[in-house]
Amino acid sequence: MPHISNIVGQAIGNEYFRRVLETGKHTQVVIMSIPAGGEIGEEVHEDNDQVLLLIEGRGKVVLDGDEAAFKTGDLVLVPAGMRHNFVTDGDAPMKIVTTYSPPHHPKDTVHQTKADADAAE
């Protein structure tokens, strides 16, 4: 049975843009570090619901053009088909735990930077 120890500590210590921790049949667990001045990038997942939990940092979430603050402890559900982006606000990175249902990225994916992630798409 997959078990993730100290996910908060792993998220805070993560320096990679995206790192897949576990991939199940129906859900995938990923940690992300979005640098100061950075963003995930506007996207739509037609076949995946996504849940994002902000562990550290601050920013804004944009869902179908509507903006809202994204603060430590906030959780956002992005339903399949919704255009979304998460943008860092401030001088510290956003540390995020996110899930995709069903899995979205290949098992054990690591993208060190957003440019690496964009190139893989």
C-alpha atoms as a PDB file:
ATOM      1  CA  MET A   1       0.000   0.000   0.000  1.00  0.00           C
ATOM      2  CA  PRO A   2       1.516   3.377  -0.989  1.00  0.00           C
ATOM      3  CA  HIS A   3       2.145   5.615   1.992  1.00  0.00           C
ATOM      4  CA  ILE A   4       3.559   9.153   1.881  1.00  0.00           C
ATOM      5  CA  SER A   5       5.347  10.163   5.078  1.00  0.00           C
ATOM      6  CA  ASN A   6       5.454  13.828   6.108  1.00  0.00           C
ATOM      7  CA  ILE A   7       3.890  15.245   2.954  1.00  0.00           C
ATOM      8  CA  VAL A   8       4.034  18.774   4.398  1.00  0.00           C
ATOM      9  CA  GLY A   9       7.780  18.467   5.003  1.00  0.00           C
ATOM     10  CA  GLN A  10       8.307  16.980   1.546  1.00  0.00           C
ATOM     11  CA  ALA A  11       6.329  19.812  -0.062  1.00  0.00           C
ATOM     12  CA  ILE A  12       8.249  22.495   1.843  1.00  0.00           C
ATOM     13  CA  GLY A  13      11.603  20.903   1.002  1.00  0.00           C
ATOM     14  CA  ASN A  14      10.759  20.353  -2.663  1.00  0.00           C
ATOM     15  CA  GLU A  15      12.673  22.583  -5.087  1.00  0.00           C
ATOM     16  CA  TYR A  16      11.304  21.027  -8.286  1.00  0.00           C
ATOM     17  CA  PHE A  17       8.462  22.552 -10.296  1.00  0.00           C
ATOM     18  CA  ARG A  18       6.666  19.193 -10.293  1.00  0.00           C
ATOM     19  CA  ARG A  19       7.386  15.849  -8.664  1.00  0.00           C
ATOM     20  CA  VAL A  20       5.002  12.893  -8.783  1.00  0.00           C
ATOM     21  CA  LEU A  21       5.059  11.078  -5.437  1.00  0.00           C
ATOM     22  CA  GLU A  22       2.476   8.332  -5.952  1.00  0.00           C
ATOM     23  CA  THR A  23       0.285   7.111  -8.777  1.00  0.00           C
ATOM     24  CA  GLY A  24      -2.738   4.920  -8.170  1.00  0.00           C
ATOM     25  CA  LYS A  25      -5.362   3.544 -10.503  1.00  0.00           C
ATOM     26  CA  HIS A  26      -7.678   6.545  -9.967  1.00  0.00           C
ATOM     27  CA  THR A  27      -5.602   9.265  -8.258  1.00  0.00           C
ATOM     28  CA  GLN A  28      -2.118  10.753  -8.407  1.00  0.00           C
ATOM     29  CA  VAL A  29      -0.294  12.753  -5.679  1.00  0.00           C
ATOM     30  CA  VAL A  30       2.149  15.457  -6.773  1.00  0.00           C
ATOM     31  CA  ILE A  31       4.162  18.183  -5.030  1.00  0.00           C
ATOM     32  CA  MET A  32       5.041  21.455  -6.732  1.00  0.00           C
ATOM     33  CA  SER A  33       7.262  24.442  -6.070  1.00  0.00           C
ATOM     34  CA  ILE A  34       6.260  27.553  -8.019  1.00  0.00           C
ATOM     35  CA  PRO A  35       9.056  30.144  -7.745  1.00  0.00           C
ATOM     36  CA  ALA A  36       8.568  33.780  -6.779  1.00  0.00           C
ATOM     37  CA  GLY A  37       7.237  35.592  -9.831  1.00  0.00           C
ATOM     38  CA  GLY A  38       6.246  32.271 -11.389  1.00  0.00           C
ATOM     39  CA  GLU A  39       3.038  30.511 -12.303  1.00  0.00           C
ATOM     40  CA  ILE A  40       1.771  27.073 -13.162  1.00  0.00           C
ATOM     41  CA  GLY A  41       0.563  28.440 -16.487  1.00  0.00           C
ATOM     42  CA  GLU A  42      -2.980  28.630 -17.788  1.00  0.00           C
ATOM     43  CA  GLU A  43      -4.284  25.191 -18.654  1.00  0.00           C
ATOM     44  CA  VAL A  44      -7.352  22.980 -18.931  1.00  0.00           C
ATOM     45  CA  HIS A  45      -7.469  19.289 -18.015  1.00  0.00           C
ATOM     46  CA  GLU A  46     -10.430  17.920 -19.942  1.00  0.00           C
ATOM     47  CA  ASP A  47     -10.365  14.510 -18.248  1.00  0.00           C
ATOM     48  CA  ASN A  48      -8.959  15.241 -14.770  1.00  0.00           C
ATOM     49  CA  ASP A  49     -10.261  16.825 -11.608  1.00  0.00           C
ATOM     50  CA  GLN A  50      -7.416  18.497  -9.719  1.00  0.00           C
ATOM     51  CA  VAL A  51      -7.183  19.458  -6.039  1.00  0.00           C
ATOM     52  CA  LEU A  52      -4.470  21.929  -4.948  1.00  0.00           C
ATOM     53  CA  LEU A  53      -3.533  22.589  -1.308  1.00  0.00           C
ATOM     54  CA  LEU A  54      -1.178  25.507  -0.574  1.00  0.00           C
ATOM     55  CA  ILE A  55       1.307  24.421   2.090  1.00  0.00           C
ATOM     56  CA  GLU A  56       3.520  27.521   2.090  1.00  0.00           C
ATOM     57  CA  GLY A  57       3.678  30.871   0.277  1.00  0.00           C
ATOM     58  CA  ARG A  58       0.939  32.950  -1.260  1.00  0.00           C
ATOM     59  CA  GLY A  59      -0.491  33.742  -4.640  1.00  0.00           C
ATOM     60  CA  LYS A  60      -3.640  33.956  -6.640  1.00  0.00           C
ATOM     61  CA  VAL A  61      -5.838  31.422  -8.342  1.00  0.00           C
ATOM     62  CA  VAL A  62      -7.570  32.171 -11.638  1.00  0.00           C
ATOM     63  CA  LEU A  63     -10.536  29.925 -12.468  1.00  0.00           C
ATOM     64  CA  ASP A  64     -12.285  30.578 -15.776  1.00  0.00           C
ATOM     65  CA  GLY A  65     -11.077  34.202 -15.596  1.00  0.00           C
ATOM     66  CA  ASP A  66     -12.136  34.858 -11.985  1.00  0.00           C
ATOM     67  CA  GLU A  67      -9.251  35.705  -9.614  1.00  0.00           C
ATOM     68  CA  ALA A  68      -9.039  35.023  -5.886  1.00  0.00           C
ATOM     69  CA  ALA A  69      -6.297  35.028  -3.265  1.00  0.00           C
ATOM     70  CA  PHE A  70      -4.548  31.701  -2.653  1.00  0.00           C
ATOM     71  CA  LYS A  71      -3.177  31.596   0.912  1.00  0.00           C
ATOM     72  CA  THR A  72      -1.408  28.993   3.020  1.00  0.00           C
ATOM     73  CA  GLY A  73      -3.954  26.396   4.084  1.00  0.00           C
ATOM     74  CA  ASP A  74      -6.301  27.077   1.151  1.00  0.00           C
ATOM     75  CA  LEU A  75      -7.551  24.193  -0.978  1.00  0.00           C
ATOM     76  CA  VAL A  76      -8.947  24.593  -4.491  1.00  0.00           C
ATOM     77  CA  LEU A  77     -10.888  22.003  -6.479  1.00  0.00           C
ATOM     78  CA  VAL A  78     -10.496  22.477 -10.229  1.00  0.00           C
ATOM     79  CA  PRO A  79     -13.145  20.366 -11.993  1.00  0.00           C
ATOM     80  CA  ALA A  80     -12.299  18.748 -15.318  1.00  0.00           C
ATOM     81  CA  GLY A  81     -12.719  21.203 -18.189  1.00  0.00           C
ATOM     82  CA  MET A  82     -12.109  24.376 -16.129  1.00  0.00           C
ATOM     83  CA  ARG A  83      -9.437  26.816 -17.350  1.00  0.00           C
ATOM     84  CA  HIS A  84      -7.108  27.586 -14.446  1.00  0.00           C
ATOM     85  CA  ASN A  85      -3.810  29.115 -13.365  1.00  0.00           C
ATOM     86  CA  PHE A  86      -1.978  29.609 -10.066  1.00  0.00           C
ATOM     87  CA  VAL A  87       0.391  32.578  -9.815  1.00  0.00           C
ATOM     88  CA  THR A  88       2.911  33.288  -7.054  1.00  0.00           C
ATOM     89  CA  ASP A  89       2.522  36.608  -5.256  1.00  0.00           C
ATOM     90  CA  GLY A  90       5.453  37.735  -3.134  1.00  0.00           C
ATOM     91  CA  ASP A  91       9.115  36.898  -2.836  1.00  0.00           C
ATOM     92  CA  ALA A  92       8.800  33.263  -1.744  1.00  0.00           C
ATOM     93  CA  PRO A  93       7.806  30.186  -3.749  1.00  0.00           C
ATOM     94  CA  MET A  94       4.412  28.534  -3.409  1.00  0.00           C
ATOM     95  CA  LYS A  95       4.697  24.975  -2.084  1.00  0.00           C
ATOM     96  CA  ILE A  96       1.701  22.963  -3.248  1.00  0.00           C
ATOM     97  CA  VAL A  97       0.369  19.442  -2.791  1.00  0.00           C
ATOM     98  CA  THR A  98      -1.912  18.515  -5.658  1.00  0.00           C
ATOM     99  CA  THR A  99      -3.877  15.467  -6.734  1.00  0.00           C
ATOM    100  CA  TYR A 100      -5.170  14.481 -10.150  1.00  0.00           C
ATOM    101  CA  SER A 101      -8.094  12.121 -10.602  1.00  0.00           C
ATOM    102  CA  PRO A 102      -7.520  10.123 -12.725  1.00  0.00           C
ATOM    103  CA  PRO A 103      -3.691  10.351 -12.883  1.00  0.00           C
ATOM    104  CA  HIS A 104      -2.410  12.939 -15.342  1.00  0.00           C
ATOM    105  CA  HIS A 105       1.389  12.575 -15.484  1.00  0.00           C
ATOM    106  CA  PRO A 106       3.497   9.480 -16.112  1.00  0.00           C
ATOM    107  CA  LYS A 107       4.434   7.642 -12.914  1.00  0.00           C
ATOM    108  CA  ASP A 108       7.560   9.042 -11.189  1.00  0.00           C
ATOM    109  CA  THR A 109       7.595  12.217 -13.333  1.00  0.00           C
ATOM    110  CA  VAL A 110      10.023  14.924 -12.185  1.00  0.00           C
ATOM    111  CA  HIS A 111      10.151  18.328 -13.897  1.00  0.00           C
ATOM    112  CA  GLN A 112      12.887  20.440 -12.378  1.00  0.00           C
ATOM    113  CA  THR A 113      11.560  23.644 -13.963  1.00  0.00           C
ATOM    114  CA  LYS A 114       8.430  24.947 -15.680  1.00  0.00           C
ATOM    115  CA  ALA A 115      10.415  24.925 -18.951  1.00  0.00           C
ATOM    116  CA  ASP A 116      11.016  21.184 -18.450  1.00  0.00           C
ATOM    117  CA  ALA A 117       7.286  20.674 -17.805  1.00  0.00           C
ATOM    118  CA  ASP A 118       6.325  22.715 -20.882  1.00  0.00           C
ATOM    119  CA  ALA A 119       8.758  20.748 -23.048  1.00  0.00           C
ATOM    120  CA  ALA A 120       7.229  17.466 -21.833  1.00  0.00           C
ATOM    121  CA  GLU A 121       3.679  18.504 -22.785  1.00  0.00           C
END
